[in-house]
């Protein structure tokens, strides 16, 4: 009887751990690279509630002249363009182990150095920005042909102290 209770308890614990891992993967897959998610799944305690004061680097990116684009393009066409652009830029951010914070209209905000510490966060952000410009440049002619508009990219980077963590 005690073996049955032990196995049942063990099964319940396994289920809870498995459920926690699935939640972490699902919740963060749109914002974190697969490598970072793998580390967080292995160390879920790093997602404790609250925040730590830490130096990070934030990258801001947007499409130049977006108001004009939104006036010239059909909503479905504009949405398709934004989806392509964000998919391209997000892949570069993930490649450099950055975290996508949010998408705001035509803008993307990402940071480096959290949730996992990265001593080279500023370098990672700069390398990501450089690659974003290069990869976006490769697609500009294609965007113009397919969407009938010229699309340009602007990127800003800032390093400073921030409160980072699992809040809210």
Protein backbone atom coordinates (compact mmCIF):
# COMPACT_ATOMS: atom_id res chain seq x y z
CA UNK A 1 0.00 0.00 0.00
CA UNK A 2 2.79 2.42 0.87
CA UNK A 3 4.47 1.60 -2.47
CA UNK A 4 1.26 2.63 -4.26
CA UNK A 5 1.09 5.89 -2.32
CA UNK A 6 4.78 6.59 -3.04
CA UNK A 7 4.34 5.91 -6.74
CA UNK A 8 1.22 8.07 -6.85
CA UNK A 9 3.04 10.93 -5.08
CA UNK A 10 6.03 10.57 -7.40
CA UNK A 11 3.72 10.57 -10.43
CA UNK A 12 2.01 13.73 -9.18
CA UNK A 13 5.36 15.46 -8.64
CA UNK A 14 6.50 14.44 -12.15
CA UNK A 15 3.25 15.80 -13.60
CA UNK A 16 3.71 19.16 -11.81
CA UNK A 17 7.33 19.53 -12.98
CA UNK A 18 6.30 18.60 -16.52
CA UNK A 19 3.43 21.11 -16.39
CA UNK A 20 5.79 23.85 -15.14
CA UNK A 21 8.23 23.16 -17.99
CA UNK A 22 5.47 23.28 -20.62
CA UNK A 23 4.23 26.58 -19.16
CA UNK A 24 7.72 28.13 -19.29
CA UNK A 25 8.23 27.02 -22.90
CA UNK A 26 4.82 28.25 -23.98
CA UNK A 27 4.89 31.56 -22.13
CA UNK A 28 8.32 32.63 -23.32
CA UNK A 29 8.64 31.13 -26.82
CA UNK A 30 7.66 34.39 -28.55
CA UNK A 31 10.10 36.48 -26.55
CA UNK A 32 13.16 34.33 -25.84
CA UNK A 33 15.47 32.26 -27.97
CA UNK A 34 15.12 28.47 -27.69
CA UNK A 35 18.54 28.30 -25.99
CA UNK A 36 17.49 30.72 -23.24
CA UNK A 37 14.20 28.85 -22.74
CA UNK A 38 16.15 25.60 -22.34
CA UNK A 39 18.22 27.18 -19.53
CA UNK A 40 15.12 28.58 -17.80
CA UNK A 41 13.38 25.20 -17.99
CA UNK A 42 16.45 23.64 -16.35
CA UNK A 43 16.53 26.40 -13.69
CA UNK A 44 12.94 27.60 -13.10
CA UNK A 45 14.01 29.20 -9.80
CA UNK A 46 15.60 31.97 -11.91
CA UNK A 47 12.03 33.11 -12.68
CA UNK A 48 11.29 34.00 -9.05
CA UNK A 49 8.92 36.90 -8.54
CA UNK A 50 10.47 40.30 -8.01
CA UNK A 51 13.26 42.14 -9.67
CA UNK A 52 16.97 42.75 -9.44
CA UNK A 53 18.80 45.93 -10.30
CA UNK A 54 21.13 45.12 -13.18
CA UNK A 55 22.89 46.76 -16.09
CA UNK A 56 21.34 45.70 -19.41
CA UNK A 57 21.35 46.95 -22.97
CA UNK A 58 18.08 47.83 -24.68
CA UNK A 59 17.63 47.88 -28.44
CA UNK A 60 14.82 49.86 -30.06
CA UNK A 61 13.94 49.38 -33.70
CA UNK A 62 11.23 50.84 -35.92
CA UNK A 63 10.25 51.39 -39.51
CA UNK A 64 10.95 54.91 -40.75
CA UNK A 65 7.98 56.78 -42.25
CA UNK A 66 5.46 54.31 -40.88
CA UNK A 67 2.60 56.84 -40.88
CA UNK A 68 3.04 57.28 -44.64
CA UNK A 69 3.19 53.51 -45.11
CA UNK A 70 0.01 52.98 -43.12
CA UNK A 71 -1.79 55.56 -45.27
CA UNK A 72 -0.57 54.07 -48.57
CA UNK A 73 -1.07 50.37 -47.85
CA UNK A 74 -4.14 48.21 -47.36
CA UNK A 75 -4.40 46.94 -43.74
CA UNK A 76 -3.87 43.28 -44.74
CA UNK A 77 -0.82 44.22 -46.83
CA UNK A 78 0.63 46.32 -44.00
CA UNK A 79 0.09 43.48 -41.53
CA UNK A 80 1.86 41.04 -43.86
CA UNK A 81 4.81 43.42 -44.21
CA UNK A 82 5.09 43.94 -40.44
CA UNK A 83 4.91 40.20 -39.84
CA UNK A 84 7.78 39.62 -42.29
CA UNK A 85 9.88 42.41 -40.82
CA UNK A 86 9.33 41.34 -37.20
CA UNK A 87 10.01 37.69 -38.04
CA UNK A 88 13.33 38.65 -39.65
CA UNK A 89 14.40 40.99 -36.85
CA UNK A 90 13.29 38.66 -34.04
CA UNK A 91 15.35 35.81 -35.50
CA UNK A 92 18.45 38.03 -35.36
CA UNK A 93 17.73 39.06 -31.76
CA UNK A 94 17.31 35.41 -30.75
CA UNK A 95 20.54 34.49 -32.57
CA UNK A 96 22.40 36.94 -30.30
CA UNK A 97 20.55 35.63 -27.19
CA UNK A 98 18.43 38.76 -26.78
CA UNK A 99 14.93 38.95 -25.31
CA UNK A 100 12.05 40.57 -27.18
CA UNK A 101 10.28 42.83 -24.71
CA UNK A 102 7.41 43.99 -26.93
CA UNK A 103 6.15 44.89 -30.37
CA UNK A 104 4.55 48.34 -30.51
CA UNK A 105 2.93 49.14 -33.85
CA UNK A 106 5.91 49.31 -36.20
CA UNK A 107 8.47 49.15 -33.38
CA UNK A 108 10.26 46.36 -31.61
CA UNK A 109 11.95 46.63 -28.21
CA UNK A 110 14.45 44.03 -27.06
CA UNK A 111 17.05 43.75 -24.32
CA UNK A 112 20.26 41.90 -23.69
CA UNK A 113 21.57 40.86 -20.26
CA UNK A 114 18.30 39.50 -18.87
CA UNK A 115 16.68 37.23 -17.87
CA UNK A 116 20.08 35.54 -17.88
CA UNK A 117 23.14 37.63 -17.08
CA UNK A 118 25.40 38.32 -20.06
CA UNK A 119 28.63 40.19 -19.29
CA UNK A 120 28.85 41.09 -23.00
CA UNK A 121 25.24 42.35 -23.33
CA UNK A 122 26.24 45.65 -24.98
CA UNK A 123 28.37 43.85 -27.57
CA UNK A 124 25.55 41.38 -28.28
CA UNK A 125 23.11 44.26 -28.87
CA UNK A 126 25.53 46.03 -31.21
CA UNK A 127 26.23 42.86 -33.17
CA UNK A 128 22.50 42.17 -33.40
CA UNK A 129 21.86 45.72 -34.67
CA UNK A 130 24.58 45.39 -37.28
CA UNK A 131 23.15 42.07 -38.48
CA UNK A 132 19.59 43.43 -38.44
CA UNK A 133 20.67 46.26 -40.75
CA UNK A 134 22.47 43.81 -43.05
CA UNK A 135 19.60 41.28 -43.18
CA UNK A 136 16.95 43.97 -43.57
CA UNK A 137 18.99 45.54 -46.38
CA UNK A 138 18.98 42.23 -48.24
CA UNK A 139 15.17 42.27 -48.19
CA UNK A 140 14.50 45.95 -49.02
CA UNK A 141 14.26 45.48 -52.80
CA UNK A 142 11.99 42.48 -52.34
CA UNK A 143 9.75 44.46 -49.96
CA UNK A 144 9.55 47.26 -52.53
CA UNK A 145 8.64 44.85 -55.36
CA UNK A 146 6.03 42.93 -53.40
CA UNK A 147 4.47 45.75 -51.37
CA UNK A 148 5.09 48.75 -53.65
CA UNK A 149 6.65 50.88 -50.90
CA UNK A 150 10.15 51.72 -49.78
CA UNK A 151 10.81 50.51 -46.25
CA UNK A 152 13.63 51.80 -44.05
CA UNK A 153 14.78 50.77 -40.61
CA UNK A 154 15.94 52.80 -37.61
CA UNK A 155 17.75 51.30 -34.60
CA UNK A 156 18.75 52.82 -31.25
CA UNK A 157 20.71 51.19 -28.44
CA UNK A 158 21.09 52.20 -24.79
CA UNK A 159 22.96 50.60 -21.89
CA UNK A 160 22.04 51.39 -18.30
CA UNK A 161 20.72 50.18 -14.98
CA UNK A 162 17.30 48.59 -14.95
CA UNK A 163 15.03 46.61 -12.67
CA UNK A 164 14.74 43.19 -14.29
CA UNK A 165 12.86 40.10 -13.26
CA UNK A 166 9.53 38.34 -13.21
CA UNK A 167 7.10 41.09 -12.22
CA UNK A 168 3.37 41.41 -12.56
